[in-house]
N, C-alpha and C. Protein backbone atom coordinates (compact mmCIF):
# COMPACT_ATOMS: atom_id res chain seq x y z
N MET A 1 6.20 2.86 14.94
CA MET A 1 4.83 3.24 14.73
C MET A 1 4.06 2.00 14.30
N ARG A 2 2.86 1.87 14.79
CA ARG A 2 1.99 0.75 14.42
C ARG A 2 0.65 1.31 13.95
N ILE A 3 0.22 0.87 12.80
CA ILE A 3 -1.09 1.27 12.28
C ILE A 3 -2.10 0.23 12.76
N SER A 4 -3.08 0.68 13.52
CA SER A 4 -4.07 -0.25 14.07
C SER A 4 -5.46 -0.09 13.44
N HIS A 5 -5.66 1.00 12.74
CA HIS A 5 -6.97 1.28 12.16
C HIS A 5 -6.78 2.10 10.90
N ALA A 6 -7.50 1.76 9.85
CA ALA A 6 -7.40 2.51 8.60
C ALA A 6 -8.78 2.79 8.05
N GLN A 7 -9.00 4.03 7.66
CA GLN A 7 -10.23 4.43 6.99
C GLN A 7 -9.84 5.03 5.65
N VAL A 8 -10.42 4.50 4.60
CA VAL A 8 -10.14 5.00 3.25
C VAL A 8 -11.47 5.34 2.62
N ARG A 9 -11.58 6.57 2.15
CA ARG A 9 -12.82 7.01 1.51
C ARG A 9 -12.50 7.72 0.19
N ASN A 10 -13.23 7.33 -0.83
CA ASN A 10 -13.12 7.96 -2.15
C ASN A 10 -11.67 7.99 -2.66
N PHE A 11 -10.99 6.86 -2.58
CA PHE A 11 -9.63 6.75 -3.09
C PHE A 11 -9.55 5.56 -4.03
N ARG A 12 -9.26 5.85 -5.28
CA ARG A 12 -9.15 4.83 -6.32
C ARG A 12 -10.37 3.91 -6.31
N ASN A 13 -10.23 2.63 -6.01
CA ASN A 13 -11.38 1.73 -6.08
C ASN A 13 -12.12 1.60 -4.75
N PHE A 14 -11.74 2.37 -3.73
CA PHE A 14 -12.40 2.29 -2.43
C PHE A 14 -13.37 3.46 -2.25
N ALA A 15 -14.65 3.14 -2.17
CA ALA A 15 -15.65 4.18 -1.90
C ALA A 15 -15.67 4.47 -0.40
N ASP A 16 -15.69 3.42 0.41
CA ASP A 16 -15.72 3.58 1.86
C ASP A 16 -15.19 2.28 2.48
N LEU A 17 -14.00 2.34 3.07
CA LEU A 17 -13.37 1.17 3.66
C LEU A 17 -12.95 1.50 5.08
N ASP A 18 -13.24 0.63 6.00
CA ASP A 18 -12.89 0.80 7.41
C ASP A 18 -12.30 -0.52 7.89
N VAL A 19 -11.00 -0.54 8.24
CA VAL A 19 -10.30 -1.77 8.59
C VAL A 19 -9.62 -1.62 9.94
N VAL A 20 -9.78 -2.63 10.79
CA VAL A 20 -9.06 -2.70 12.05
C VAL A 20 -7.96 -3.73 11.87
N LEU A 21 -6.72 -3.33 12.14
CA LEU A 21 -5.56 -4.20 11.94
C LEU A 21 -5.03 -4.69 13.29
N GLY A 22 -4.69 -5.97 13.35
CA GLY A 22 -4.11 -6.54 14.56
C GLY A 22 -2.62 -6.27 14.61
N GLU A 23 -1.96 -6.87 15.59
CA GLU A 23 -0.51 -6.68 15.73
C GLU A 23 0.23 -7.20 14.51
N HIS A 24 -0.23 -8.31 13.96
CA HIS A 24 0.32 -8.87 12.73
C HIS A 24 -0.85 -9.10 11.78
N SER A 25 -0.86 -8.37 10.66
CA SER A 25 -1.96 -8.49 9.71
C SER A 25 -1.42 -8.86 8.34
N VAL A 26 -2.18 -9.65 7.62
CA VAL A 26 -1.84 -10.04 6.25
C VAL A 26 -3.04 -9.67 5.38
N ILE A 27 -2.76 -9.02 4.27
CA ILE A 27 -3.82 -8.62 3.36
C ILE A 27 -3.84 -9.62 2.20
N VAL A 28 -4.92 -10.38 2.11
CA VAL A 28 -5.06 -11.42 1.09
C VAL A 28 -6.42 -11.26 0.43
N ASN A 29 -6.45 -11.34 -0.89
CA ASN A 29 -7.71 -11.30 -1.62
C ASN A 29 -7.44 -11.69 -3.06
N GLU A 30 -8.48 -11.74 -3.86
CA GLU A 30 -8.34 -12.06 -5.27
C GLU A 30 -7.56 -10.96 -5.99
N ASN A 31 -7.13 -11.28 -7.20
CA ASN A 31 -6.45 -10.29 -8.03
C ASN A 31 -7.41 -9.19 -8.42
N ARG A 32 -6.86 -7.99 -8.62
CA ARG A 32 -7.59 -6.83 -9.12
C ARG A 32 -8.67 -6.31 -8.17
N VAL A 33 -8.44 -6.40 -6.86
CA VAL A 33 -9.40 -5.86 -5.90
C VAL A 33 -8.85 -4.67 -5.13
N GLY A 34 -7.55 -4.36 -5.28
CA GLY A 34 -7.03 -3.14 -4.68
C GLY A 34 -6.07 -3.30 -3.52
N LYS A 35 -5.41 -4.43 -3.38
CA LYS A 35 -4.44 -4.60 -2.28
C LYS A 35 -3.35 -3.52 -2.33
N PRO A 36 -2.73 -3.26 -3.49
CA PRO A 36 -1.74 -2.19 -3.54
C PRO A 36 -2.34 -0.81 -3.26
N ASN A 37 -3.59 -0.59 -3.65
CA ASN A 37 -4.23 0.69 -3.38
C ASN A 37 -4.39 0.92 -1.89
N LEU A 38 -4.67 -0.13 -1.12
CA LEU A 38 -4.76 0.01 0.33
C LEU A 38 -3.40 0.38 0.92
N LEU A 39 -2.35 -0.25 0.45
CA LEU A 39 -1.00 0.08 0.91
C LEU A 39 -0.65 1.52 0.55
N TYR A 40 -0.92 1.92 -0.68
CA TYR A 40 -0.60 3.27 -1.13
C TYR A 40 -1.40 4.32 -0.33
N ALA A 41 -2.67 4.05 -0.08
CA ALA A 41 -3.49 4.99 0.70
C ALA A 41 -2.94 5.12 2.12
N SER A 42 -2.49 4.01 2.69
CA SER A 42 -1.94 4.05 4.04
C SER A 42 -0.63 4.84 4.09
N CYS A 43 0.20 4.67 3.08
CA CYS A 43 1.50 5.35 3.07
C CYS A 43 1.40 6.84 2.77
N ARG A 44 0.32 7.26 2.15
CA ARG A 44 0.17 8.69 1.83
C ARG A 44 0.12 9.56 3.08
N ASN A 45 -0.28 9.01 4.21
CA ASN A 45 -0.42 9.79 5.43
C ASN A 45 0.68 9.53 6.45
N VAL A 46 1.72 8.81 6.05
CA VAL A 46 2.84 8.54 6.95
C VAL A 46 4.06 9.27 6.40
N PRO A 47 4.58 10.27 7.12
CA PRO A 47 5.74 11.02 6.62
C PRO A 47 6.94 10.11 6.38
N GLY A 48 7.54 10.23 5.19
CA GLY A 48 8.72 9.46 4.85
C GLY A 48 8.44 8.05 4.33
N ALA A 49 7.19 7.62 4.30
CA ALA A 49 6.87 6.27 3.83
C ALA A 49 6.78 6.25 2.31
N GLU A 50 7.31 5.22 1.72
CA GLU A 50 7.25 5.04 0.27
C GLU A 50 6.59 3.71 -0.04
N PRO A 51 5.49 3.68 -0.78
CA PRO A 51 4.83 2.42 -1.08
C PRO A 51 5.52 1.62 -2.18
N TYR A 52 6.43 2.24 -2.91
CA TYR A 52 7.11 1.55 -4.00
C TYR A 52 8.58 1.40 -3.67
N THR A 53 9.19 0.37 -4.19
CA THR A 53 10.60 0.10 -3.96
C THR A 53 11.35 0.28 -5.27
N THR A 54 12.54 0.85 -5.20
CA THR A 54 13.37 1.01 -6.39
C THR A 54 14.26 -0.21 -6.55
N PHE A 55 14.25 -0.79 -7.72
CA PHE A 55 15.09 -1.93 -8.03
C PHE A 55 16.01 -1.55 -9.18
N GLU A 56 17.14 -2.21 -9.30
CA GLU A 56 18.01 -1.99 -10.43
C GLU A 56 17.63 -2.94 -11.55
N ALA A 57 17.65 -2.44 -12.77
CA ALA A 57 17.37 -3.29 -13.92
C ALA A 57 18.46 -4.34 -14.04
N LYS A 58 18.12 -5.49 -14.66
CA LYS A 58 19.11 -6.56 -14.79
C LYS A 58 20.35 -6.10 -15.53
N SER A 59 20.18 -5.21 -16.48
CA SER A 59 21.34 -4.73 -17.23
C SER A 59 22.20 -3.80 -16.36
N GLY A 60 21.63 -3.33 -15.25
CA GLY A 60 22.38 -2.45 -14.36
C GLY A 60 22.42 -1.01 -14.81
N SER A 61 21.71 -0.68 -15.89
CA SER A 61 21.78 0.68 -16.43
C SER A 61 20.93 1.70 -15.71
N LYS A 62 19.67 1.40 -15.48
CA LYS A 62 18.78 2.38 -14.86
C LYS A 62 17.91 1.72 -13.80
N PRO A 63 17.62 2.43 -12.71
CA PRO A 63 16.65 1.89 -11.75
C PRO A 63 15.24 2.03 -12.29
N TYR A 64 14.36 1.18 -11.85
CA TYR A 64 12.97 1.28 -12.24
C TYR A 64 12.10 1.02 -11.03
N LEU A 65 10.85 1.46 -11.12
CA LEU A 65 9.91 1.27 -10.02
C LEU A 65 9.04 0.08 -10.30
N LYS A 66 8.78 -0.69 -9.27
CA LYS A 66 7.88 -1.82 -9.40
C LYS A 66 6.82 -1.71 -8.34
């Protein structure tokens, strides 16, 4: 599956966003502008997609989300 177009409205810090994505796209911007929010909004509508990855803690005791 390839996402070629994304519209985000009234989600977290996005009032109205309309983005056309090419075959290979990179999302770059200053800190605190919502790059993870764009990823999370995109994944909410894709069945089985998870925007967060589970990592094991260095101690190996419990997994945590980052």
